[in-house]
Amino acid sequence: MKHILLIEDNAEMSENTAEILELSSYKVSTAFNGKEGVQKALDLSPDLILCDIMMPEMDGFGVVHALNNNPTTANIPFIFLTAKAEKADLRKGMELGADDYLTKPYTGLELLTAVETRLKKSNQHQEAPSAAQKTGEEDILKRIKILIDENTFAKKYFKKKEIIYTEGALPFHVYYINSGLIRTNKAMYNGKEVITELITKNNLFGFKEALSDEPYANYAVAVENTELVLIPKDVLLHELTKEPGLHLSLERNLSNSINQLENKLFLTAYMGVKKRVATTLVELSDIYINTLDSELIQLSREDLANYIGVSPETVIRTLSEFKDKGLISIETGKIRVIERDQLLKLRH
């Protein structure tokens, strides 16, 4: 049974549309504003999304923008439901990534035809992936690992909190993480800092600047004791000339990183502080368990605040509240997630 997410703030329209779909053997979940719709799309991964444009909290344009910039939801077929049929709105929606439009009032036949058409096209796309899709992110890491094994690249050890490169420095290497954890920081105009990314072992970083031959736009710091393999930029560029598929994989990897960052920043503007802290704690707990074999999150309160995008005081207050509720424990400043499922439920 195909699962459809219906995002519609008009209760009568939502009920009627859901009834037509359910009578045609579709499973239907509903959301009554854009913010709720984005969260449900991330949680449920439906087969298709029907979405109104004019809604409270977040309009339909914001919804399609957020979902298309998240790799987990970017390929879900998306149909706008709108009473506004002006060409400018149609064009804007299609440019943001919508697949189709239904103009209200629509008949049951029009609705079911649009849904069936989009689901059919989606199935055909999934059954016949392109060669580039088959390459995937794992392929680039396999290729890089072979490159490392065939060469004697320098390895360098960085202690916890040691800076790897600074903003404005020129790139001479691409870094592969053998062990440890890296964060990249960006200084803002007001003097504050934001952690833009946490990078775990068996991953590359610093290749965007190496490929473009531009100075680093951020700086990188070891979160834990870390071992890096330094791949000379010229060696990587030479490999790219021999292996066009590697270049494509790097570009895809970079594009996914940018999309994830953009989506994180976009959702930060609409997600409450407690939800953001709860979601981040689960994310960090998974990183520490899977990467460092530790159940304790060892980020400082300042780093945690910079990663979430709130003040340290807000982080401390929220952590204290979570501790009192038994969701986490704090052991000599380190955080242990106790009730993972309960923290995830806070996102709703």
C-alpha atoms as a PDB file:
ATOM      1  CA  MET A   1       0.000   0.000   0.000  1.00  0.00           C
ATOM      2  CA  LYS A   2       1.417   3.359  -1.043  1.00  0.00           C
ATOM      3  CA  HIS A   3       1.719   5.991   1.688  1.00  0.00           C
ATOM      4  CA  ILE A   4       0.691   9.583   0.925  1.00  0.00           C
ATOM      5  CA  LEU A   5       1.356  12.607   3.134  1.00  0.00           C
ATOM      6  CA  LEU A   6      -1.313  15.314   2.791  1.00  0.00           C
ATOM      7  CA  ILE A   7      -0.304  18.782   4.044  1.00  0.00           C
ATOM      8  CA  GLU A   8      -3.420  20.974   4.057  1.00  0.00           C
ATOM      9  CA  ASP A   9      -4.562  23.542   6.624  1.00  0.00           C
ATOM     10  CA  ASN A  10      -8.234  23.515   5.540  1.00  0.00           C
ATOM     11  CA  ALA A  11      -9.857  20.786   7.644  1.00  0.00           C
ATOM     12  CA  GLU A  12     -12.746  20.141   5.226  1.00  0.00           C
ATOM     13  CA  MET A  13     -10.459  19.980   2.187  1.00  0.00           C
ATOM     14  CA  SER A  14      -8.047  17.718   4.070  1.00  0.00           C
ATOM     15  CA  GLU A  15     -10.822  15.344   5.140  1.00  0.00           C
ATOM     16  CA  ASN A  16     -12.370  15.114   1.662  1.00  0.00           C
ATOM     17  CA  THR A  17      -9.035  14.566  -0.086  1.00  0.00           C
ATOM     18  CA  ALA A  18      -7.923  11.959   2.450  1.00  0.00           C
ATOM     19  CA  GLU A  19     -11.238  10.093   2.070  1.00  0.00           C
ATOM     20  CA  ILE A  20     -10.895   9.904  -1.737  1.00  0.00           C
ATOM     21  CA  LEU A  21      -7.362   8.561  -1.423  1.00  0.00           C
ATOM     22  CA  GLU A  22      -8.229   6.032   1.292  1.00  0.00           C
ATOM     23  CA  LEU A  23     -11.162   4.712  -0.759  1.00  0.00           C
ATOM     24  CA  SER A  24      -8.619   4.076  -3.517  1.00  0.00           C
ATOM     25  CA  SER A  25      -6.488   1.951  -1.145  1.00  0.00           C
ATOM     26  CA  TYR A  26      -3.832   4.533  -0.271  1.00  0.00           C
ATOM     27  CA  LYS A  27      -2.563   4.992   3.271  1.00  0.00           C
ATOM     28  CA  VAL A  28      -2.876   8.682   4.186  1.00  0.00           C
ATOM     29  CA  SER A  29      -1.160  10.749   6.878  1.00  0.00           C
ATOM     30  CA  THR A  30      -2.131  14.388   7.375  1.00  0.00           C
ATOM     31  CA  ALA A  31      -0.461  17.572   8.578  1.00  0.00           C
ATOM     32  CA  PHE A  32      -2.178  20.910   9.073  1.00  0.00           C
ATOM     33  CA  ASN A  33       0.700  23.347   8.535  1.00  0.00           C
ATOM     34  CA  GLY A  34       3.991  23.414   6.660  1.00  0.00           C
ATOM     35  CA  LYS A  35       6.220  23.045   9.708  1.00  0.00           C
ATOM     36  CA  GLU A  36       4.365  19.911  10.846  1.00  0.00           C
ATOM     37  CA  GLY A  37       4.404  18.632   7.269  1.00  0.00           C
ATOM     38  CA  VAL A  38       8.190  18.865   6.939  1.00  0.00           C
ATOM     39  CA  GLN A  39       8.691  16.979  10.197  1.00  0.00           C
ATOM     40  CA  LYS A  40       6.246  14.240   9.218  1.00  0.00           C
ATOM     41  CA  ALA A  41       7.890  13.874   5.806  1.00  0.00           C
ATOM     42  CA  LEU A  42      11.251  13.365   7.530  1.00  0.00           C
ATOM     43  CA  ASP A  43       9.806  10.905  10.047  1.00  0.00           C
ATOM     44  CA  LEU A  44       7.505   8.890   7.754  1.00  0.00           C
ATOM     45  CA  SER A  45       9.279   8.933   4.343  1.00  0.00           C
ATOM     46  CA  PRO A  46       5.988   8.755   2.377  1.00  0.00           C
ATOM     47  CA  ASP A  47       5.749   7.628  -1.246  1.00  0.00           C
ATOM     48  CA  LEU A  48       4.173  10.940  -2.347  1.00  0.00           C
ATOM     49  CA  ILE A  49       3.385  14.355  -0.853  1.00  0.00           C
ATOM     50  CA  LEU A  50       0.340  16.520  -1.572  1.00  0.00           C
ATOM     51  CA  CYS A  51       0.826  20.046  -0.230  1.00  0.00           C
ATOM     52  CA  ASP A  52      -1.167  23.265  -0.098  1.00  0.00           C
ATOM     53  CA  ILE A  53       0.676  26.543  -0.808  1.00  0.00           C
ATOM     54  CA  MET A  54      -0.922  29.097   1.500  1.00  0.00           C
ATOM     55  CA  MET A  55      -0.498  27.749   5.055  1.00  0.00           C
ATOM     56  CA  PRO A  56       0.488  28.996   8.517  1.00  0.00           C
ATOM     57  CA  GLU A  57       3.892  28.315  10.141  1.00  0.00           C
ATOM     58  CA  MET A  58       5.564  27.578   6.773  1.00  0.00           C
ATOM     59  CA  ASP A  59       4.048  27.917   3.302  1.00  0.00           C
ATOM     60  CA  GLY A  60       4.194  25.267   0.591  1.00  0.00           C
ATOM     61  CA  PHE A  61       7.200  26.871  -1.074  1.00  0.00           C
ATOM     62  CA  GLY A  62       9.125  26.571   2.175  1.00  0.00           C
ATOM     63  CA  VAL A  63       8.078  22.929   2.505  1.00  0.00           C
ATOM     64  CA  VAL A  64       9.270  21.883  -0.966  1.00  0.00           C
ATOM     65  CA  HIS A  65      12.485  23.872  -0.509  1.00  0.00           C
ATOM     66  CA  ALA A  66      13.268  22.138   2.791  1.00  0.00           C
ATOM     67  CA  LEU A  67      12.446  18.644   1.558  1.00  0.00           C
ATOM     68  CA  ASN A  68      14.298  18.956  -1.741  1.00  0.00           C
ATOM     69  CA  ASN A  69      17.438  19.981   0.118  1.00  0.00           C
ATOM     70  CA  ASN A  70      17.391  16.887   2.304  1.00  0.00           C
ATOM     71  CA  PRO A  71      18.788  13.729   0.646  1.00  0.00           C
ATOM     72  CA  THR A  72      16.273  11.500   2.471  1.00  0.00           C
ATOM     73  CA  THR A  73      13.227  13.341   1.056  1.00  0.00           C
ATOM     74  CA  ALA A  74      14.538  14.947  -2.142  1.00  0.00           C
ATOM     75  CA  ASN A  75      13.211  12.194  -4.432  1.00  0.00           C
ATOM     76  CA  ILE A  76       9.696  11.965  -3.005  1.00  0.00           C
ATOM     77  CA  PRO A  77       7.147  13.028  -5.679  1.00  0.00           C
ATOM     78  CA  PHE A  78       5.607  16.373  -4.706  1.00  0.00           C
ATOM     79  CA  ILE A  79       2.274  17.797  -5.898  1.00  0.00           C
ATOM     80  CA  PHE A  80       1.013  21.265  -4.960  1.00  0.00           C
ATOM     81  CA  LEU A  81      -2.657  21.803  -4.145  1.00  0.00           C
ATOM     82  CA  THR A  82      -3.545  25.436  -4.708  1.00  0.00           C
ATOM     83  CA  ALA A  83      -6.370  27.799  -5.464  1.00  0.00           C
ATOM     84  CA  LYS A  84      -3.812  30.223  -6.897  1.00  0.00           C
ATOM     85  CA  ALA A  85      -3.152  29.376 -10.524  1.00  0.00           C
ATOM     86  CA  GLU A  86      -1.126  32.446 -11.485  1.00  0.00           C
ATOM     87  CA  LYS A  87       1.803  31.606 -13.745  1.00  0.00           C
ATOM     88  CA  ALA A  88       4.321  33.165 -11.351  1.00  0.00           C
ATOM     89  CA  ASP A  89       3.273  30.771  -8.569  1.00  0.00           C
ATOM     90  CA  LEU A  90       3.347  27.803 -10.909  1.00  0.00           C
ATOM     91  CA  ARG A  91       6.798  28.718 -12.145  1.00  0.00           C
ATOM     92  CA  LYS A  92       8.158  29.316  -8.650  1.00  0.00           C
ATOM     93  CA  GLY A  93       6.877  25.967  -7.423  1.00  0.00           C
ATOM     94  CA  MET A  94       8.354  24.055 -10.337  1.00  0.00           C
ATOM     95  CA  GLU A  95      11.701  25.822  -9.963  1.00  0.00           C
ATOM     96  CA  LEU A  96      11.806  24.789  -6.291  1.00  0.00           C
ATOM     97  CA  GLY A  97      11.259  21.162  -7.257  1.00  0.00           C
ATOM     98  CA  ALA A  98       7.501  20.454  -7.350  1.00  0.00           C
ATOM     99  CA  ASP A  99       6.495  17.722  -9.812  1.00  0.00           C
ATOM    100  CA  ASP A 100       2.914  18.753 -10.518  1.00  0.00           C
ATOM    101  CA  TYR A 101       0.013  21.069  -9.618  1.00  0.00           C
ATOM    102  CA  LEU A 102      -3.659  20.533  -8.889  1.00  0.00           C
ATOM    103  CA  THR A 103      -5.800  23.642  -8.905  1.00  0.00           C
ATOM    104  CA  LYS A 104      -8.672  23.759  -6.418  1.00  0.00           C
ATOM    105  CA  PRO A 105     -11.416  22.758  -6.717  1.00  0.00           C
ATOM    106  CA  TYR A 106     -10.296  19.458  -8.265  1.00  0.00           C
ATOM    107  CA  THR A 107     -12.355  16.348  -8.912  1.00  0.00           C
ATOM    108  CA  GLY A 108     -11.622  12.949  -7.441  1.00  0.00           C
ATOM    109  CA  LEU A 109     -10.616  11.717 -10.891  1.00  0.00           C
ATOM    110  CA  GLU A 110      -8.154  14.599 -11.351  1.00  0.00           C
ATOM    111  CA  LEU A 111      -6.636  13.892  -7.932  1.00  0.00           C
ATOM    112  CA  LEU A 112      -6.247  10.149  -8.468  1.00  0.00           C
ATOM    113  CA  THR A 113      -4.890  10.589 -12.008  1.00  0.00           C
ATOM    114  CA  ALA A 114      -2.208  13.013 -10.808  1.00  0.00           C
ATOM    115  CA  VAL A 115      -1.248  10.738  -7.914  1.00  0.00           C
ATOM    116  CA  GLU A 116      -1.106   7.577 -10.038  1.00  0.00           C
ATOM    117  CA  THR A 117       0.936   9.311 -12.745  1.00  0.00           C
ATOM    118  CA  ARG A 118       3.537  10.611 -10.307  1.00  0.00           C
ATOM    119  CA  LEU A 119       3.836   7.304  -8.458  1.00  0.00           C
ATOM    120  CA  LYS A 120       4.272   5.440 -11.728  1.00  0.00           C
ATOM    121  CA  LYS A 121       7.036   7.793 -12.873  1.00  0.00           C
ATOM    122  CA  SER A 122       8.711   7.508  -9.483  1.00  0.00           C
ATOM    123  CA  ASN A 123       8.687   3.693  -9.667  1.00  0.00           C
ATOM    124  CA  GLN A 124      10.207   3.760 -13.147  1.00  0.00           C
ATOM    125  CA  HIS A 125      12.959   6.064 -11.921  1.00  0.00           C
ATOM    126  CA  GLN A 126      13.756   3.783  -8.978  1.00  0.00           C
ATOM    127  CA  GLU A 127      13.817   0.654 -11.156  1.00  0.00           C
ATOM    128  CA  ALA A 128      16.279   2.129 -13.639  1.00  0.00           C
ATOM    129  CA  PRO A 129      18.936   4.114 -11.758  1.00  0.00           C
ATOM    130  CA  SER A 130      21.600   5.870 -13.764  1.00  0.00           C
ATOM    131  CA  ALA A 131      25.258   4.837 -13.762  1.00  0.00           C
ATOM    132  CA  ALA A 132      26.030   7.913 -11.671  1.00  0.00           C
ATOM    133  CA  GLN A 133      23.499   6.841  -9.037  1.00  0.00           C
ATOM    134  CA  LYS A 134      25.007   3.361  -8.907  1.00  0.00           C
ATOM    135  CA  THR A 135      28.392   4.914  -8.206  1.00  0.00           C
ATOM    136  CA  GLY A 136      27.088   6.313  -4.905  1.00  0.00           C
ATOM    137  CA  GLU A 137      28.895   7.843  -1.984  1.00  0.00           C
ATOM    138  CA  GLU A 138      30.398   4.536  -0.873  1.00  0.00           C
ATOM    139  CA  ASP A 139      32.231   4.185  -4.184  1.00  0.00           C
ATOM    140  CA  ILE A 140      34.238   7.356  -3.698  1.00  0.00           C
ATOM    141  CA  LEU A 141      35.442   6.157  -0.283  1.00  0.00           C
ATOM    142  CA  LYS A 142      36.418   2.770  -1.714  1.00  0.00           C
ATOM    143  CA  ARG A 143      38.401   4.483  -4.477  1.00  0.00           C
ATOM    144  CA  ILE A 144      40.118   6.787  -1.996  1.00  0.00           C
ATOM    145  CA  LYS A 145      40.951   3.842   0.302  1.00  0.00           C
ATOM    146  CA  ILE A 146      42.580   2.028  -2.631  1.00  0.00           C
ATOM    147  CA  LEU A 147      44.533   5.188  -3.449  1.00  0.00           C
ATOM    148  CA  ILE A 148      45.750   5.381   0.160  1.00  0.00           C
ATOM    149  CA  ASP A 149      46.707   1.698   0.229  1.00  0.00           C
ATOM    150  CA  GLU A 150      48.724   2.039  -2.989  1.00  0.00           C
ATOM    151  CA  ASN A 151      50.694   5.048  -1.770  1.00  0.00           C
ATOM    152  CA  THR A 152      52.696   6.072   1.272  1.00  0.00           C
ATOM    153  CA  PHE A 153      50.900   9.262   2.121  1.00  0.00           C
ATOM    154  CA  ALA A 154      51.880  11.094   5.279  1.00  0.00           C
ATOM    155  CA  LYS A 155      49.811  10.517   8.408  1.00  0.00           C
ATOM    156  CA  LYS A 156      49.417  13.145  11.057  1.00  0.00           C
ATOM    157  CA  TYR A 157      48.056  12.962  14.595  1.00  0.00           C
ATOM    158  CA  PHE A 158      46.071  15.796  16.133  1.00  0.00           C
ATOM    159  CA  LYS A 159      45.255  16.055  19.807  1.00  0.00           C
ATOM    160  CA  LYS A 160      41.827  17.016  21.047  1.00  0.00           C
ATOM    161  CA  LYS A 161      41.085  20.717  20.315  1.00  0.00           C
ATOM    162  CA  GLU A 162      44.125  21.028  18.035  1.00  0.00           C
ATOM    163  CA  ILE A 163      43.544  23.123  14.903  1.00  0.00           C
ATOM    164  CA  ILE A 164      44.029  21.304  11.583  1.00  0.00           C
ATOM    165  CA  TYR A 165      43.769  24.271   9.250  1.00  0.00           C
ATOM    166  CA  THR A 166      42.720  27.898   9.603  1.00  0.00           C
ATOM    167  CA  GLU A 167      40.307  30.065   7.676  1.00  0.00           C
ATOM    168  CA  GLY A 168      42.040  31.774   4.758  1.00  0.00           C
ATOM    169  CA  ALA A 169      44.866  29.237   4.524  1.00  0.00           C
ATOM    170  CA  LEU A 170      45.653  27.719   1.126  1.00  0.00           C
ATOM    171  CA  PRO A 171      44.888  24.001   0.661  1.00  0.00           C
ATOM    172  CA  PHE A 172      47.747  21.624  -0.111  1.00  0.00           C
ATOM    173  CA  HIS A 173      46.058  18.384   0.947  1.00  0.00           C
ATOM    174  CA  VAL A 174      42.743  16.572   1.076  1.00  0.00           C
ATOM    175  CA  TYR A 175      42.219  14.908   4.456  1.00  0.00           C
ATOM    176  CA  TYR A 176      41.005  11.364   5.103  1.00  0.00           C
ATOM    177  CA  ILE A 177      40.015  10.550   8.695  1.00  0.00           C
ATOM    178  CA  ASN A 178      41.507   7.249   9.867  1.00  0.00           C
ATOM    179  CA  SER A 179      40.192   7.718  13.391  1.00  0.00           C
ATOM    180  CA  GLY A 180      38.687  10.448  15.523  1.00  0.00           C
ATOM    181  CA  LEU A 181      36.200  13.218  14.921  1.00  0.00           C
ATOM    182  CA  ILE A 182      36.537  16.626  13.212  1.00  0.00           C
ATOM    183  CA  ARG A 183      34.433  19.764  13.367  1.00  0.00           C
ATOM    184  CA  THR A 184      34.483  22.697  10.981  1.00  0.00           C
ATOM    185  CA  ASN A 185      33.716  26.182  12.316  1.00  0.00           C
ATOM    186  CA  LYS A 186      32.706  29.419  10.663  1.00  0.00           C
ATOM    187  CA  ALA A 187      33.197  32.792  12.326  1.00  0.00           C
ATOM    188  CA  MET A 188      30.166  35.065  11.914  1.00  0.00           C
ATOM    189  CA  TYR A 189      30.164  38.811  11.382  1.00  0.00           C
ATOM    190  CA  ASN A 190      29.070  39.440  14.996  1.00  0.00           C
ATOM    191  CA  GLY A 191      32.037  37.528  16.410  1.00  0.00           C
ATOM    192  CA  LYS A 192      30.072  34.385  17.221  1.00  0.00           C
ATOM    193  CA  GLU A 193      30.938  31.015  15.740  1.00  0.00           C
ATOM    194  CA  VAL A 194      28.879  28.239  14.216  1.00  0.00           C
ATOM    195  CA  ILE A 195      29.898  24.603  13.848  1.00  0.00           C
ATOM    196  CA  THR A 196      29.005  23.878  10.241  1.00  0.00           C
ATOM    197  CA  GLU A 197      29.769  20.159  10.171  1.00  0.00           C
ATOM    198  CA  LEU A 198      30.906  17.180  12.229  1.00  0.00           C
ATOM    199  CA  ILE A 199      32.959  14.736  10.147  1.00  0.00           C
ATOM    200  CA  THR A 200      33.495  11.152  11.280  1.00  0.00           C
ATOM    201  CA  LYS A 201      36.163   8.560  10.510  1.00  0.00           C
ATOM    202  CA  ASN A 202      36.491   7.032   7.023  1.00  0.00           C
ATOM    203  CA  ASN A 203      35.411  10.308   5.447  1.00  0.00           C
ATOM    204  CA  LEU A 204      37.095  13.036   3.419  1.00  0.00           C
ATOM    205  CA  PHE A 205      37.129  16.754   4.096  1.00  0.00           C
ATOM    206  CA  GLY A 206      38.828  19.794   2.628  1.00  0.00           C
ATOM    207  CA  PHE A 207      38.368  18.626  -0.963  1.00  0.00           C
ATOM    208  CA  LYS A 208      36.131  21.505  -2.082  1.00  0.00           C
ATOM    209  CA  GLU A 209      38.910  24.033  -1.582  1.00  0.00           C
ATOM    210  CA  ALA A 210      41.482  21.663  -3.054  1.00  0.00           C
ATOM    211  CA  LEU A 211      39.441  21.187  -6.225  1.00  0.00           C
ATOM    212  CA  SER A 212      38.703  24.893  -6.620  1.00  0.00           C
ATOM    213  CA  ASP A 213      42.164  25.994  -5.417  1.00  0.00           C
ATOM    214  CA  GLU A 214      40.570  28.520  -3.063  1.00  0.00           C
ATOM    215  CA  PRO A 215      41.499  29.402   0.542  1.00  0.00           C
ATOM    216  CA  TYR A 216      39.586  27.615   3.278  1.00  0.00           C
ATOM    217  CA  ALA A 217      36.294  29.354   4.103  1.00  0.00           C
ATOM    218  CA  ASN A 218      36.245  27.868   7.613  1.00  0.00           C
ATOM    219  CA  TYR A 219      38.634  26.261  10.052  1.00  0.00           C
ATOM    220  CA  ALA A 220      38.856  22.652  11.201  1.00  0.00           C
ATOM    221  CA  VAL A 221      39.497  21.363  14.736  1.00  0.00           C
ATOM    222  CA  ALA A 222      39.931  17.878  16.188  1.00  0.00           C
ATOM    223  CA  VAL A 223      37.027  17.127  18.532  1.00  0.00           C
ATOM    224  CA  GLU A 224      38.839  14.034  19.796  1.00  0.00           C
ATOM    225  CA  ASN A 225      42.363  12.680  19.305  1.00  0.00           C
ATOM    226  CA  THR A 226      42.471  12.133  15.564  1.00  0.00           C
ATOM    227  CA  GLU A 227      44.631  10.465  12.917  1.00  0.00           C
ATOM    228  CA  LEU A 228      44.496  11.915   9.411  1.00  0.00           C
ATOM    229  CA  VAL A 229      45.911  10.772   6.096  1.00  0.00           C
ATOM    230  CA  LEU A 230      47.168  13.743   4.068  1.00  0.00           C
ATOM    231  CA  ILE A 231      46.494  13.159   0.378  1.00  0.00           C
ATOM    232  CA  PRO A 232      48.450  15.704  -1.715  1.00  0.00           C
ATOM    233  CA  LYS A 233      46.134  17.861  -3.763  1.00  0.00           C
ATOM    234  CA  ASP A 234      48.093  17.247  -6.967  1.00  0.00           C
ATOM    235  CA  VAL A 235      47.810  13.468  -6.538  1.00  0.00           C
ATOM    236  CA  LEU A 236      44.041  13.671  -6.155  1.00  0.00           C
ATOM    237  CA  LEU A 237      43.705  15.966  -9.175  1.00  0.00           C
ATOM    238  CA  HIS A 238      45.760  13.519 -11.215  1.00  0.00           C
ATOM    239  CA  GLU A 239      43.476  10.664 -10.170  1.00  0.00           C
ATOM    240  CA  LEU A 240      40.478  12.700 -11.261  1.00  0.00           C
ATOM    241  CA  THR A 241      41.874  12.978 -14.793  1.00  0.00           C
ATOM    242  CA  LYS A 242      42.228   9.182 -14.928  1.00  0.00           C
ATOM    243  CA  GLU A 243      38.894   8.400 -13.298  1.00  0.00           C
ATOM    244  CA  PRO A 244      35.999  10.638 -14.442  1.00  0.00           C
ATOM    245  CA  GLY A 245      33.649   8.679 -12.172  1.00  0.00           C
ATOM    246  CA  LEU A 246      35.692   9.759  -9.156  1.00  0.00           C
ATOM    247  CA  HIS A 247      35.233  13.418 -10.070  1.00  0.00           C
ATOM    248  CA  LEU A 248      31.486  12.868 -10.362  1.00  0.00           C
ATOM    249  CA  SER A 249      31.380  11.116  -6.997  1.00  0.00           C
ATOM    250  CA  LEU A 250      33.279  13.971  -5.340  1.00  0.00           C
ATOM    251  CA  GLU A 251      30.884  16.508  -6.801  1.00  0.00           C
ATOM    252  CA  ARG A 252      27.910  14.502  -5.595  1.00  0.00           C
ATOM    253  CA  ASN A 253      29.457  14.169  -2.140  1.00  0.00           C
ATOM    254  CA  LEU A 254      30.010  17.920  -2.005  1.00  0.00           C
ATOM    255  CA  SER A 255      26.499  18.641  -3.226  1.00  0.00           C
ATOM    256  CA  ASN A 256      25.004  16.399  -0.535  1.00  0.00           C
ATOM    257  CA  SER A 257      27.063  18.152   2.156  1.00  0.00           C
ATOM    258  CA  ILE A 258      25.852  21.559   0.983  1.00  0.00           C
ATOM    259  CA  ASN A 259      22.240  20.389   0.826  1.00  0.00           C
ATOM    260  CA  GLN A 260      22.422  18.932   4.338  1.00  0.00           C
ATOM    261  CA  LEU A 261      23.885  22.147   5.716  1.00  0.00           C
ATOM    262  CA  GLU A 262      21.300  24.284   3.940  1.00  0.00           C
ATOM    263  CA  ASN A 263      18.482  22.081   5.175  1.00  0.00           C
ATOM    264  CA  LYS A 264      19.854  22.149   8.734  1.00  0.00           C
ATOM    265  CA  LEU A 265      19.966  25.954   8.707  1.00  0.00           C
ATOM    266  CA  PHE A 266      16.509  26.158   7.152  1.00  0.00           C
ATOM    267  CA  LEU A 267      14.900  23.841   9.708  1.00  0.00           C
ATOM    268  CA  THR A 268      16.705  25.606  12.561  1.00  0.00           C
ATOM    269  CA  ALA A 269      14.640  28.687  11.779  1.00  0.00           C
ATOM    270  CA  TYR A 270      11.391  26.750  12.324  1.00  0.00           C
ATOM    271  CA  MET A 271      12.204  24.154  15.000  1.00  0.00           C
ATOM    272  CA  GLY A 272      11.874  25.019  18.686  1.00  0.00           C
ATOM    273  CA  VAL A 273      14.931  24.996  20.946  1.00  0.00           C
ATOM    274  CA  LYS A 274      13.982  21.843  22.884  1.00  0.00           C
ATOM    275  CA  LYS A 275      13.353  19.936  19.661  1.00  0.00           C
ATOM    276  CA  ARG A 276      16.673  21.069  18.230  1.00  0.00           C
ATOM    277  CA  VAL A 277      18.588  20.083  21.369  1.00  0.00           C
ATOM    278  CA  ALA A 278      16.823  16.712  21.559  1.00  0.00           C
ATOM    279  CA  THR A 279      17.447  15.932  17.870  1.00  0.00           C
ATOM    280  CA  THR A 280      21.094  16.963  18.138  1.00  0.00           C
ATOM    281  CA  LEU A 281      21.703  14.837  21.241  1.00  0.00           C
ATOM    282  CA  VAL A 282      20.413  11.743  19.439  1.00  0.00           C
ATOM    283  CA  GLU A 283      22.541  12.574  16.403  1.00  0.00           C
ATOM    284  CA  LEU A 284      25.665  13.086  18.515  1.00  0.00           C
ATOM    285  CA  SER A 285      25.016   9.954  20.566  1.00  0.00           C
ATOM    286  CA  ASP A 286      24.903   7.909  17.352  1.00  0.00           C
ATOM    287  CA  ILE A 287      28.129   9.539  16.133  1.00  0.00           C
ATOM    288  CA  TYR A 288      30.013   8.832  19.374  1.00  0.00           C
ATOM    289  CA  ILE A 289      28.763   5.237  19.606  1.00  0.00           C
ATOM    290  CA  ASN A 290      29.424   4.345  15.973  1.00  0.00           C
ATOM    291  CA  THR A 291      32.632   6.337  15.502  1.00  0.00           C
ATOM    292  CA  LEU A 292      34.346   6.448  18.872  1.00  0.00           C
ATOM    293  CA  ASP A 293      32.808   3.435  20.634  1.00  0.00           C
ATOM    294  CA  SER A 294      31.666   5.704  23.435  1.00  0.00           C
ATOM    295  CA  GLU A 295      28.202   6.252  24.883  1.00  0.00           C
ATOM    296  CA  LEU A 296      29.276   9.601  26.317  1.00  0.00           C
ATOM    297  CA  ILE A 297      28.985  12.810  24.281  1.00  0.00           C
ATOM    298  CA  GLN A 298      32.078  14.829  25.085  1.00  0.00           C
ATOM    299  CA  LEU A 299      31.387  18.137  23.326  1.00  0.00           C
ATOM    300  CA  SER A 300      31.761  21.193  25.508  1.00  0.00           C
ATOM    301  CA  ARG A 301      28.626  23.230  26.207  1.00  0.00           C
ATOM    302  CA  GLU A 302      30.002  26.004  24.002  1.00  0.00           C
ATOM    303  CA  ASP A 303      30.632  23.624  21.085  1.00  0.00           C
ATOM    304  CA  LEU A 304      27.208  22.074  21.549  1.00  0.00           C
ATOM    305  CA  ALA A 305      25.625  25.537  21.497  1.00  0.00           C
ATOM    306  CA  ASN A 306      27.561  26.495  18.376  1.00  0.00           C
ATOM    307  CA  TYR A 307      26.441  23.311  16.634  1.00  0.00           C
ATOM    308  CA  ILE A 308      22.779  23.794  17.515  1.00  0.00           C
ATOM    309  CA  GLY A 309      22.795  27.539  16.949  1.00  0.00           C
ATOM    310  CA  VAL A 310      21.727  28.737  20.412  1.00  0.00           C
ATOM    311  CA  SER A 311      23.444  30.313  23.405  1.00  0.00           C
ATOM    312  CA  PRO A 312      25.418  28.192  25.903  1.00  0.00           C
ATOM    313  CA  GLU A 313      23.006  29.322  28.637  1.00  0.00           C
ATOM    314  CA  THR A 314      20.081  27.919  26.642  1.00  0.00           C
ATOM    315  CA  VAL A 315      21.885  24.605  26.147  1.00  0.00           C
ATOM    316  CA  ILE A 316      22.700  24.330  29.860  1.00  0.00           C
ATOM    317  CA  ARG A 317      19.109  25.119  30.862  1.00  0.00           C
ATOM    318  CA  THR A 318      17.656  22.594  28.392  1.00  0.00           C
ATOM    319  CA  LEU A 319      20.131  19.876  29.391  1.00  0.00           C
ATOM    320  CA  SER A 320      19.218  20.414  33.025  1.00  0.00           C
ATOM    321  CA  GLU A 321      15.540  20.001  32.164  1.00  0.00           C
ATOM    322  CA  PHE A 322      16.223  16.803  30.190  1.00  0.00           C
ATOM    323  CA  LYS A 323      18.288  15.459  33.087  1.00  0.00           C
ATOM    324  CA  ASP A 324      15.502  16.140  35.596  1.00  0.00           C
ATOM    325  CA  LYS A 325      13.116  14.188  33.340  1.00  0.00           C
ATOM    326  CA  GLY A 326      15.516  11.241  33.184  1.00  0.00           C
ATOM    327  CA  LEU A 327      16.096  11.574  29.431  1.00  0.00           C
ATOM    328  CA  ILE A 328      19.862  12.017  29.839  1.00  0.00           C
ATOM    329  CA  SER A 329      22.521  11.782  32.521  1.00  0.00           C
ATOM    330  CA  ILE A 330      25.531  14.047  32.938  1.00  0.00           C
ATOM    331  CA  GLU A 331      28.736  12.430  34.136  1.00  0.00           C
ATOM    332  CA  THR A 332      31.619  14.823  34.853  1.00  0.00           C
ATOM    333  CA  GLY A 333      30.349  17.113  32.139  1.00  0.00           C
ATOM    334  CA  LYS A 334      29.812  14.327  29.589  1.00  0.00           C
ATOM    335  CA  ILE A 335      26.309  13.564  28.342  1.00  0.00           C
ATOM    336  CA  ARG A 336      24.765  10.096  28.115  1.00  0.00           C
ATOM    337  CA  VAL A 337      21.493   9.629  26.243  1.00  0.00           C
ATOM    338  CA  ILE A 338      19.229   7.390  28.346  1.00  0.00           C
ATOM    339  CA  GLU A 339      15.811   7.697  26.686  1.00  0.00           C
ATOM    340  CA  ARG A 340      16.611   7.938  22.966  1.00  0.00           C
ATOM    341  CA  ASP A 341      13.034   7.271  21.825  1.00  0.00           C
ATOM    342  CA  GLN A 342      11.643   9.892  24.187  1.00  0.00           C
ATOM    343  CA  LEU A 343      14.076  12.485  22.842  1.00  0.00           C
ATOM    344  CA  LEU A 344      13.030  11.639  19.287  1.00  0.00           C
ATOM    345  CA  LYS A 345       9.377  12.031  20.256  1.00  0.00           C
ATOM    346  CA  LEU A 346      10.103  15.614  21.316  1.00  0.00           C
ATOM    347  CA  ARG A 347      10.610  16.423  17.627  1.00  0.00           C
ATOM    348  CA  HIS A 348       6.895  15.943  17.111  1.00  0.00           C
END
